[in-house]
Amino acid sequence: MKTRIILSVFFIFLIISSAESSFGMDPEMVPKKLNEQFQLHPYEPAIISDGPEISILDIQDSRCPSDVTCVWEGEVKILINVVNDHNPLGNFTLTSRAGDKDLSTQTIDGFSIQVIDVNPYPISTKQIPLSDYVVTLVVSEKTIPPPLKQLKSGVALDEIKCKPSYQLVIKLRGGLPACVKQTSVSRLEMQGWTLNGQSTITLTEGQRSGSLLVQEIFSDHVVGLNFIEYPLAREDGLPVSLKIGDSASNGCTITLTLEKIEDGKATFSKNTDFGRPCPIC
């Protein structure tokens, strides 16, 4: 009988322990929502749904104590660490000061992080341990104008911003920008869109990138067709023979330079100059 009672108590204990581990988790680890205020203690990370992870590393409180008359109301500085999509973004300081909202807000990787309140408020007779502070924050996704609107407002093509997880691509003919998901980039490149800047590509016989169609690859040179788009677009390609260091261009945005030939493959450096957009045909 005693054994049965002991076993019953033991199993009840296990059930309670399991429930506590499942439902009594740290509330700060429960994902927070964008655009909704939440409270955070130092060293307790907050995970934002569809947003970054935030941790408070330090608080420097120089606010005027509530029981003292001061010339200046003072401020409180909150040092936060931000991680987004497993990428450490670094440490940032948010300053809560009466009447100065700009200091309390930081835009980081497309998200706006703002301090709403910091408690407890200091009094002259008590030292506040760091662990006792509670900071009220709100994280919102910064509104980014559509890429074409940014372009029309005077933003340079290579400085257009996209939402997090989206990639800037630009139509070679006409230089029209778009923000697309990373999974769509390869398909769009085949349709005449390109990524910004410089990259390296490897082509085999029969493959094309930009203006160049590779027809044959030899040990010391590549033979193919180059399709010109500027000053006059051509439907037929011009025959070219490229040795190491030679380049082929569409006459405007794209330049391919042959870097090496190895195992029947030709490797090119691809330079995209959005300062020279191809004309719309």
C-alpha atoms as a PDB file:
ATOM      1  CA  MET A   1       0.000   0.000   0.000  1.00  0.00           C
ATOM      2  CA  LYS A   2       2.805   2.410   0.936  1.00  0.00           C
ATOM      3  CA  THR A   3       4.633   1.533  -2.270  1.00  0.00           C
ATOM      4  CA  ARG A   4       1.530   2.312  -4.309  1.00  0.00           C
ATOM      5  CA  ILE A   5       1.098   5.675  -2.588  1.00  0.00           C
ATOM      6  CA  ILE A   6       4.754   6.561  -3.122  1.00  0.00           C
ATOM      7  CA  LEU A   7       4.527   5.677  -6.831  1.00  0.00           C
ATOM      8  CA  SER A   8       1.335   7.729  -7.199  1.00  0.00           C
ATOM      9  CA  VAL A   9       2.975  10.745  -5.611  1.00  0.00           C
ATOM     10  CA  PHE A  10       6.021  10.259  -7.828  1.00  0.00           C
ATOM     11  CA  PHE A  11       3.958  10.204 -11.017  1.00  0.00           C
ATOM     12  CA  ILE A  12       1.985  13.262  -9.922  1.00  0.00           C
ATOM     13  CA  PHE A  13       5.273  15.064  -9.369  1.00  0.00           C
ATOM     14  CA  LEU A  14       6.440  14.118 -12.859  1.00  0.00           C
ATOM     15  CA  ILE A  15       3.206  15.388 -14.396  1.00  0.00           C
ATOM     16  CA  ILE A  16       3.447  18.703 -12.542  1.00  0.00           C
ATOM     17  CA  SER A  17       7.111  19.107 -13.515  1.00  0.00           C
ATOM     18  CA  SER A  18       6.313  18.417 -17.136  1.00  0.00           C
ATOM     19  CA  ALA A  19       3.474  20.924 -17.104  1.00  0.00           C
ATOM     20  CA  GLU A  20       5.692  23.569 -15.564  1.00  0.00           C
ATOM     21  CA  SER A  21       8.374  23.034 -18.193  1.00  0.00           C
ATOM     22  CA  SER A  22       5.794  23.248 -20.995  1.00  0.00           C
ATOM     23  CA  PHE A  23       3.570  26.058 -19.774  1.00  0.00           C
ATOM     24  CA  GLY A  24       5.749  27.859 -17.258  1.00  0.00           C
ATOM     25  CA  MET A  25       8.368  28.925 -19.752  1.00  0.00           C
ATOM     26  CA  ASP A  26       9.928  32.340 -19.592  1.00  0.00           C
ATOM     27  CA  PRO A  27       7.254  34.709 -20.950  1.00  0.00           C
ATOM     28  CA  GLU A  28       9.942  36.727 -22.764  1.00  0.00           C
ATOM     29  CA  MET A  29      10.614  33.699 -25.009  1.00  0.00           C
ATOM     30  CA  VAL A  30       7.014  33.733 -26.245  1.00  0.00           C
ATOM     31  CA  PRO A  31       7.111  35.480 -29.651  1.00  0.00           C
ATOM     32  CA  LYS A  32       6.010  39.113 -29.592  1.00  0.00           C
ATOM     33  CA  LYS A  33       4.047  40.755 -32.377  1.00  0.00           C
ATOM     34  CA  LEU A  34       5.041  43.577 -34.673  1.00  0.00           C
ATOM     35  CA  ASN A  35       3.420  46.946 -33.887  1.00  0.00           C
ATOM     36  CA  GLU A  36       2.409  45.828 -30.373  1.00  0.00           C
ATOM     37  CA  GLN A  37       4.057  47.030 -27.165  1.00  0.00           C
ATOM     38  CA  PHE A  38       5.813  44.487 -24.955  1.00  0.00           C
ATOM     39  CA  GLN A  39       7.944  44.572 -21.821  1.00  0.00           C
ATOM     40  CA  LEU A  40      11.482  43.288 -21.570  1.00  0.00           C
ATOM     41  CA  HIS A  41      13.955  42.753 -18.715  1.00  0.00           C
ATOM     42  CA  PRO A  42      17.732  42.965 -19.204  1.00  0.00           C
ATOM     43  CA  TYR A  43      19.354  39.788 -20.572  1.00  0.00           C
ATOM     44  CA  GLU A  44      15.979  38.236 -21.450  1.00  0.00           C
ATOM     45  CA  PRO A  45      15.713  38.058 -25.256  1.00  0.00           C
ATOM     46  CA  ALA A  46      12.446  38.855 -26.982  1.00  0.00           C
ATOM     47  CA  ILE A  47      11.685  37.138 -30.282  1.00  0.00           C
ATOM     48  CA  ILE A  48       9.466  39.157 -32.615  1.00  0.00           C
ATOM     49  CA  SER A  49       7.224  37.191 -34.981  1.00  0.00           C
ATOM     50  CA  ASP A  50       8.417  37.948 -38.540  1.00  0.00           C
ATOM     51  CA  GLY A  51      10.972  40.288 -37.008  1.00  0.00           C
ATOM     52  CA  PRO A  52      14.272  40.428 -35.105  1.00  0.00           C
ATOM     53  CA  GLU A  53      15.377  39.087 -31.728  1.00  0.00           C
ATOM     54  CA  ILE A  54      16.182  41.794 -29.176  1.00  0.00           C
ATOM     55  CA  SER A  55      18.141  41.651 -25.914  1.00  0.00           C
ATOM     56  CA  ILE A  56      18.860  44.442 -23.422  1.00  0.00           C
ATOM     57  CA  LEU A  57      22.532  44.459 -22.450  1.00  0.00           C
ATOM     58  CA  ASP A  58      22.750  47.530 -20.217  1.00  0.00           C
ATOM     59  CA  ILE A  59      20.796  50.508 -18.884  1.00  0.00           C
ATOM     60  CA  GLN A  60      22.334  53.845 -17.908  1.00  0.00           C
ATOM     61  CA  ASP A  61      19.753  55.842 -15.954  1.00  0.00           C
ATOM     62  CA  SER A  62      20.477  59.530 -15.351  1.00  0.00           C
ATOM     63  CA  ARG A  63      16.866  60.695 -14.987  1.00  0.00           C
ATOM     64  CA  CYS A  64      16.120  63.215 -12.286  1.00  0.00           C
ATOM     65  CA  PRO A  65      14.827  61.314  -9.208  1.00  0.00           C
ATOM     66  CA  SER A  66      11.134  61.835  -8.558  1.00  0.00           C
ATOM     67  CA  ASP A  67      11.797  63.234  -5.073  1.00  0.00           C
ATOM     68  CA  VAL A  68      14.363  65.792  -6.250  1.00  0.00           C
ATOM     69  CA  THR A  69      14.024  69.080  -8.135  1.00  0.00           C
ATOM     70  CA  CYS A  70      16.469  69.213 -11.074  1.00  0.00           C
ATOM     71  CA  VAL A  71      17.322  71.767 -13.745  1.00  0.00           C
ATOM     72  CA  TRP A  72      17.245  68.976 -16.345  1.00  0.00           C
ATOM     73  CA  GLU A  73      14.905  65.999 -16.426  1.00  0.00           C
ATOM     74  CA  GLY A  74      17.707  63.681 -17.551  1.00  0.00           C
ATOM     75  CA  GLU A  75      17.555  60.583 -19.732  1.00  0.00           C
ATOM     76  CA  VAL A  76      17.963  56.829 -19.725  1.00  0.00           C
ATOM     77  CA  LYS A  77      20.092  54.973 -22.275  1.00  0.00           C
ATOM     78  CA  ILE A  78      19.259  51.380 -23.196  1.00  0.00           C
ATOM     79  CA  LEU A  79      21.896  49.279 -24.941  1.00  0.00           C
ATOM     80  CA  ILE A  80      20.256  46.586 -27.062  1.00  0.00           C
ATOM     81  CA  ASN A  81      21.573  43.736 -29.169  1.00  0.00           C
ATOM     82  CA  VAL A  82      19.710  42.834 -32.354  1.00  0.00           C
ATOM     83  CA  VAL A  83      19.737  39.602 -34.341  1.00  0.00           C
ATOM     84  CA  ASN A  84      17.633  39.153 -37.470  1.00  0.00           C
ATOM     85  CA  ASP A  85      17.214  35.860 -39.335  1.00  0.00           C
ATOM     86  CA  HIS A  86      20.191  34.414 -37.391  1.00  0.00           C
ATOM     87  CA  ASN A  87      22.409  37.329 -38.527  1.00  0.00           C
ATOM     88  CA  PRO A  88      23.950  39.392 -35.680  1.00  0.00           C
ATOM     89  CA  LEU A  89      23.368  43.066 -36.461  1.00  0.00           C
ATOM     90  CA  GLY A  90      25.288  44.484 -33.490  1.00  0.00           C
ATOM     91  CA  ASN A  91      24.581  46.681 -30.474  1.00  0.00           C
ATOM     92  CA  PHE A  92      22.561  49.900 -30.579  1.00  0.00           C
ATOM     93  CA  THR A  93      21.705  52.592 -28.025  1.00  0.00           C
ATOM     94  CA  LEU A  94      18.170  53.877 -27.576  1.00  0.00           C
ATOM     95  CA  THR A  95      17.785  57.037 -25.494  1.00  0.00           C
ATOM     96  CA  SER A  96      14.563  57.811 -23.664  1.00  0.00           C
ATOM     97  CA  ARG A  97      14.378  61.558 -23.072  1.00  0.00           C
ATOM     98  CA  ALA A  98      11.246  63.637 -22.547  1.00  0.00           C
ATOM     99  CA  GLY A  99      10.138  65.390 -25.730  1.00  0.00           C
ATOM    100  CA  ASP A 100      12.711  63.724 -28.022  1.00  0.00           C
ATOM    101  CA  LYS A 101      11.173  60.757 -29.842  1.00  0.00           C
ATOM    102  CA  ASP A 102      13.938  60.564 -32.443  1.00  0.00           C
ATOM    103  CA  LEU A 103      16.527  59.446 -29.892  1.00  0.00           C
ATOM    104  CA  SER A 104      14.278  56.672 -28.624  1.00  0.00           C
ATOM    105  CA  THR A 105      13.899  55.096 -32.069  1.00  0.00           C
ATOM    106  CA  GLN A 106      16.347  53.193 -34.241  1.00  0.00           C
ATOM    107  CA  THR A 107      15.777  51.783 -37.720  1.00  0.00           C
ATOM    108  CA  ILE A 108      17.685  48.525 -38.033  1.00  0.00           C
ATOM    109  CA  ASP A 109      17.578  46.198 -41.042  1.00  0.00           C
ATOM    110  CA  GLY A 110      14.176  47.467 -42.125  1.00  0.00           C
ATOM    111  CA  PHE A 111      12.627  47.459 -38.637  1.00  0.00           C
ATOM    112  CA  SER A 112      11.879  50.405 -36.362  1.00  0.00           C
ATOM    113  CA  ILE A 113      12.626  49.753 -32.660  1.00  0.00           C
ATOM    114  CA  GLN A 114      11.321  52.303 -30.161  1.00  0.00           C
ATOM    115  CA  VAL A 115      11.507  52.686 -26.382  1.00  0.00           C
ATOM    116  CA  ILE A 116       8.108  53.618 -24.948  1.00  0.00           C
ATOM    117  CA  ASP A 117       8.819  53.586 -21.205  1.00  0.00           C
ATOM    118  CA  VAL A 118      11.429  52.531 -18.645  1.00  0.00           C
ATOM    119  CA  ASN A 119      10.498  51.516 -15.108  1.00  0.00           C
ATOM    120  CA  PRO A 120      10.962  51.867 -12.195  1.00  0.00           C
ATOM    121  CA  TYR A 121      11.485  55.606 -12.084  1.00  0.00           C
ATOM    122  CA  PRO A 122      14.480  56.513  -9.889  1.00  0.00           C
ATOM    123  CA  ILE A 123      14.260  58.003  -6.412  1.00  0.00           C
ATOM    124  CA  SER A 124      17.217  59.500  -4.592  1.00  0.00           C
ATOM    125  CA  THR A 125      17.164  57.066  -1.677  1.00  0.00           C
ATOM    126  CA  LYS A 126      17.275  53.834  -3.652  1.00  0.00           C
ATOM    127  CA  GLN A 127      19.732  52.252  -6.022  1.00  0.00           C
ATOM    128  CA  ILE A 128      17.956  50.305  -8.773  1.00  0.00           C
ATOM    129  CA  PRO A 129      19.600  46.984  -9.683  1.00  0.00           C
ATOM    130  CA  LEU A 130      19.846  46.361 -13.412  1.00  0.00           C
ATOM    131  CA  SER A 131      17.705  43.250 -13.100  1.00  0.00           C
ATOM    132  CA  ASP A 132      14.800  45.298 -11.669  1.00  0.00           C
ATOM    133  CA  TYR A 133      14.346  47.426 -14.777  1.00  0.00           C
ATOM    134  CA  VAL A 134      11.468  46.768 -17.168  1.00  0.00           C
ATOM    135  CA  VAL A 135      11.590  48.424 -20.601  1.00  0.00           C
ATOM    136  CA  THR A 136       8.495  48.812 -22.758  1.00  0.00           C
ATOM    137  CA  LEU A 137       9.316  48.546 -26.453  1.00  0.00           C
ATOM    138  CA  VAL A 138       7.529  48.385 -29.773  1.00  0.00           C
ATOM    139  CA  VAL A 139       8.949  46.971 -33.012  1.00  0.00           C
ATOM    140  CA  SER A 140       7.403  47.816 -36.357  1.00  0.00           C
ATOM    141  CA  GLU A 141       8.344  47.106 -39.938  1.00  0.00           C
ATOM    142  CA  LYS A 142       9.534  50.276 -41.599  1.00  0.00           C
ATOM    143  CA  THR A 143       7.433  51.256 -44.581  1.00  0.00           C
ATOM    144  CA  ILE A 144       9.575  51.101 -47.714  1.00  0.00           C
ATOM    145  CA  PRO A 145       8.153  52.791 -50.840  1.00  0.00           C
ATOM    146  CA  PRO A 146       7.816  50.669 -53.997  1.00  0.00           C
ATOM    147  CA  PRO A 147      11.082  50.574 -55.982  1.00  0.00           C
ATOM    148  CA  LEU A 148       9.662  52.517 -58.946  1.00  0.00           C
ATOM    149  CA  LYS A 149       8.435  55.262 -56.606  1.00  0.00           C
ATOM    150  CA  GLN A 150      11.909  55.456 -55.045  1.00  0.00           C
ATOM    151  CA  LEU A 151      13.424  55.789 -58.528  1.00  0.00           C
ATOM    152  CA  LYS A 152      11.032  58.588 -59.511  1.00  0.00           C
ATOM    153  CA  SER A 153      11.815  60.433 -56.272  1.00  0.00           C
ATOM    154  CA  GLY A 154      15.479  60.622 -57.272  1.00  0.00           C
ATOM    155  CA  VAL A 155      16.976  57.553 -55.556  1.00  0.00           C
ATOM    156  CA  ALA A 156      19.787  56.034 -57.634  1.00  0.00           C
ATOM    157  CA  LEU A 157      19.101  52.556 -59.049  1.00  0.00           C
ATOM    158  CA  ASP A 158      21.828  50.900 -57.007  1.00  0.00           C
ATOM    159  CA  GLU A 159      20.595  52.590 -53.792  1.00  0.00           C
ATOM    160  CA  ILE A 160      16.956  51.440 -53.969  1.00  0.00           C
ATOM    161  CA  LYS A 161      15.873  49.608 -50.805  1.00  0.00           C
ATOM    162  CA  CYS A 162      13.766  46.455 -50.572  1.00  0.00           C
ATOM    163  CA  LYS A 163      11.935  44.864 -47.673  1.00  0.00           C
ATOM    164  CA  PRO A 164      13.883  42.253 -45.665  1.00  0.00           C
ATOM    165  CA  SER A 165      14.161  38.914 -47.509  1.00  0.00           C
ATOM    166  CA  TYR A 166      13.527  40.638 -50.867  1.00  0.00           C
ATOM    167  CA  GLN A 167      16.176  41.203 -53.542  1.00  0.00           C
ATOM    168  CA  LEU A 168      16.548  44.154 -55.892  1.00  0.00           C
ATOM    169  CA  VAL A 169      16.546  43.225 -59.579  1.00  0.00           C
ATOM    170  CA  ILE A 170      16.591  45.579 -62.549  1.00  0.00           C
ATOM    171  CA  LYS A 171      15.307  45.162 -66.088  1.00  0.00           C
ATOM    172  CA  LEU A 172      18.222  45.502 -68.469  1.00  0.00           C
ATOM    173  CA  ARG A 173      16.151  47.247 -71.101  1.00  0.00           C
ATOM    174  CA  GLY A 174      14.867  50.464 -69.607  1.00  0.00           C
ATOM    175  CA  GLY A 175      16.415  50.078 -66.155  1.00  0.00           C
ATOM    176  CA  LEU A 176      13.134  49.381 -64.334  1.00  0.00           C
ATOM    177  CA  PRO A 177      13.641  48.188 -60.717  1.00  0.00           C
ATOM    178  CA  ALA A 178      11.662  45.540 -58.835  1.00  0.00           C
ATOM    179  CA  CYS A 179      11.901  43.850 -55.425  1.00  0.00           C
ATOM    180  CA  VAL A 180      11.389  40.081 -55.575  1.00  0.00           C
ATOM    181  CA  LYS A 181      11.865  37.053 -53.368  1.00  0.00           C
ATOM    182  CA  GLN A 182      15.261  35.385 -53.578  1.00  0.00           C
ATOM    183  CA  THR A 183      13.701  32.240 -55.041  1.00  0.00           C
ATOM    184  CA  SER A 184      12.565  34.214 -58.103  1.00  0.00           C
ATOM    185  CA  VAL A 185      15.934  35.736 -58.990  1.00  0.00           C
ATOM    186  CA  SER A 186      17.251  32.918 -61.219  1.00  0.00           C
ATOM    187  CA  ARG A 187      14.040  32.797 -63.258  1.00  0.00           C
ATOM    188  CA  LEU A 188      13.999  36.572 -63.737  1.00  0.00           C
ATOM    189  CA  GLU A 189      17.655  36.620 -64.821  1.00  0.00           C
ATOM    190  CA  MET A 190      16.639  34.332 -67.679  1.00  0.00           C
ATOM    191  CA  GLN A 191      14.004  36.909 -68.641  1.00  0.00           C
ATOM    192  CA  GLY A 192      16.358  39.864 -68.900  1.00  0.00           C
ATOM    193  CA  TRP A 193      16.533  41.065 -65.295  1.00  0.00           C
ATOM    194  CA  THR A 194      19.803  41.353 -63.421  1.00  0.00           C
ATOM    195  CA  LEU A 195      21.186  41.752 -59.920  1.00  0.00           C
ATOM    196  CA  ASN A 196      23.163  44.799 -58.917  1.00  0.00           C
ATOM    197  CA  GLY A 197      26.934  45.082 -58.940  1.00  0.00           C
ATOM    198  CA  GLN A 198      29.561  42.468 -59.761  1.00  0.00           C
ATOM    199  CA  SER A 199      29.308  38.695 -59.764  1.00  0.00           C
ATOM    200  CA  THR A 200      31.025  35.631 -61.202  1.00  0.00           C
ATOM    201  CA  ILE A 201      29.285  33.232 -63.563  1.00  0.00           C
ATOM    202  CA  THR A 202      30.324  29.974 -65.222  1.00  0.00           C
ATOM    203  CA  LEU A 203      28.975  29.023 -68.649  1.00  0.00           C
ATOM    204  CA  THR A 204      29.155  25.874 -70.748  1.00  0.00           C
ATOM    205  CA  GLU A 205      28.593  25.502 -74.495  1.00  0.00           C
ATOM    206  CA  GLY A 206      25.071  26.566 -75.457  1.00  0.00           C
ATOM    207  CA  GLN A 207      24.469  28.722 -72.372  1.00  0.00           C
ATOM    208  CA  ARG A 208      23.873  32.455 -72.421  1.00  0.00           C
ATOM    209  CA  SER A 209      24.233  35.241 -69.865  1.00  0.00           C
ATOM    210  CA  GLY A 210      23.582  38.881 -70.576  1.00  0.00           C
ATOM    211  CA  SER A 211      24.493  39.577 -74.177  1.00  0.00           C
ATOM    212  CA  LEU A 212      26.823  36.586 -74.672  1.00  0.00           C
ATOM    213  CA  LEU A 213      25.824  33.170 -76.029  1.00  0.00           C
ATOM    214  CA  VAL A 214      28.685  30.677 -75.671  1.00  0.00           C
ATOM    215  CA  GLN A 215      28.879  28.350 -78.672  1.00  0.00           C
ATOM    216  CA  GLU A 216      32.259  26.618 -78.338  1.00  0.00           C
ATOM    217  CA  ILE A 217      34.878  26.473 -75.591  1.00  0.00           C
ATOM    218  CA  PHE A 218      38.517  25.775 -76.454  1.00  0.00           C
ATOM    219  CA  SER A 219      41.531  25.471 -74.191  1.00  0.00           C
ATOM    220  CA  ASP A 220      42.588  29.102 -74.718  1.00  0.00           C
ATOM    221  CA  HIS A 221      39.537  30.934 -76.054  1.00  0.00           C
ATOM    222  CA  VAL A 222      35.746  31.005 -76.288  1.00  0.00           C
ATOM    223  CA  VAL A 223      33.662  31.463 -79.431  1.00  0.00           C
ATOM    224  CA  GLY A 224      30.131  32.750 -79.342  1.00  0.00           C
ATOM    225  CA  LEU A 225      27.576  35.382 -80.334  1.00  0.00           C
ATOM    226  CA  ASN A 226      27.267  38.801 -78.714  1.00  0.00           C
ATOM    227  CA  PHE A 227      23.862  40.501 -78.854  1.00  0.00           C
ATOM    228  CA  ILE A 228      24.133  44.287 -78.925  1.00  0.00           C
ATOM    229  CA  GLU A 229      21.420  46.498 -77.385  1.00  0.00           C
ATOM    230  CA  TYR A 230      23.041  49.918 -77.679  1.00  0.00           C
ATOM    231  CA  PRO A 231      23.104  52.197 -79.617  1.00  0.00           C
ATOM    232  CA  LEU A 232      20.815  49.996 -81.706  1.00  0.00           C
ATOM    233  CA  ALA A 233      19.395  46.653 -80.570  1.00  0.00           C
ATOM    234  CA  ARG A 234      20.097  43.685 -82.854  1.00  0.00           C
ATOM    235  CA  GLU A 235      18.118  40.481 -83.085  1.00  0.00           C
ATOM    236  CA  ASP A 236      21.119  38.608 -84.522  1.00  0.00           C
ATOM    237  CA  GLY A 237      24.309  38.156 -82.534  1.00  0.00           C
ATOM    238  CA  LEU A 238      27.717  39.297 -83.684  1.00  0.00           C
ATOM    239  CA  PRO A 239      30.415  36.556 -83.782  1.00  0.00           C
ATOM    240  CA  VAL A 240      33.050  37.005 -81.065  1.00  0.00           C
ATOM    241  CA  SER A 241      36.190  35.163 -80.011  1.00  0.00           C
ATOM    242  CA  LEU A 242      37.317  35.860 -76.454  1.00  0.00           C
ATOM    243  CA  LYS A 243      40.658  35.071 -74.835  1.00  0.00           C
ATOM    244  CA  ILE A 244      41.428  35.439 -71.137  1.00  0.00           C
ATOM    245  CA  GLY A 245      40.902  39.085 -70.206  1.00  0.00           C
ATOM    246  CA  ASP A 246      38.690  39.900 -73.194  1.00  0.00           C
ATOM    247  CA  SER A 247      35.205  41.312 -72.660  1.00  0.00           C
ATOM    248  CA  ALA A 248      31.819  41.220 -74.340  1.00  0.00           C
ATOM    249  CA  SER A 249      29.127  43.817 -73.679  1.00  0.00           C
ATOM    250  CA  ASN A 250      25.595  44.623 -74.735  1.00  0.00           C
ATOM    251  CA  GLY A 251      26.806  48.192 -75.198  1.00  0.00           C
ATOM    252  CA  CYS A 252      25.097  49.555 -72.113  1.00  0.00           C
ATOM    253  CA  THR A 253      24.559  47.839 -68.760  1.00  0.00           C
ATOM    254  CA  ILE A 254      26.262  44.419 -68.833  1.00  0.00           C
ATOM    255  CA  THR A 255      29.932  43.568 -69.404  1.00  0.00           C
ATOM    256  CA  LEU A 256      31.297  40.013 -69.260  1.00  0.00           C
ATOM    257  CA  THR A 257      35.062  39.496 -68.921  1.00  0.00           C
ATOM    258  CA  LEU A 258      36.564  36.040 -69.468  1.00  0.00           C
ATOM    259  CA  GLU A 259      38.549  35.046 -66.350  1.00  0.00           C
ATOM    260  CA  LYS A 260      39.467  31.394 -66.928  1.00  0.00           C
ATOM    261  CA  ILE A 261      38.749  28.234 -68.934  1.00  0.00           C
ATOM    262  CA  GLU A 262      38.731  24.918 -67.121  1.00  0.00           C
ATOM    263  CA  ASP A 263      37.191  21.481 -67.707  1.00  0.00           C
ATOM    264  CA  GLY A 264      35.121  22.668 -70.637  1.00  0.00           C
ATOM    265  CA  LYS A 265      33.679  25.583 -68.679  1.00  0.00           C
ATOM    266  CA  ALA A 266      34.248  29.322 -69.083  1.00  0.00           C
ATOM    267  CA  THR A 267      34.204  31.586 -66.041  1.00  0.00           C
ATOM    268  CA  PHE A 268      33.360  35.268 -66.472  1.00  0.00           C
ATOM    269  CA  SER A 269      33.242  38.259 -64.159  1.00  0.00           C
ATOM    270  CA  LYS A 270      29.918  40.013 -64.711  1.00  0.00           C
ATOM    271  CA  ASN A 271      29.740  43.756 -64.159  1.00  0.00           C
ATOM    272  CA  THR A 272      26.397  45.545 -64.054  1.00  0.00           C
ATOM    273  CA  ASP A 273      26.529  49.328 -64.504  1.00  0.00           C
ATOM    274  CA  PHE A 274      23.111  50.798 -63.763  1.00  0.00           C
ATOM    275  CA  GLY A 275      24.443  54.227 -64.616  1.00  0.00           C
ATOM    276  CA  ARG A 276      24.194  53.116 -68.251  1.00  0.00           C
ATOM    277  CA  PRO A 277      20.683  51.673 -68.643  1.00  0.00           C
ATOM    278  CA  CYS A 278      19.811  50.107 -71.972  1.00  0.00           C
ATOM    279  CA  PRO A 279      17.173  51.995 -74.000  1.00  0.00           C
ATOM    280  CA  ILE A 280      13.600  50.725 -74.098  1.00  0.00           C
ATOM    281  CA  CYS A 281      12.901  49.117 -77.433  1.00  0.00           C
END
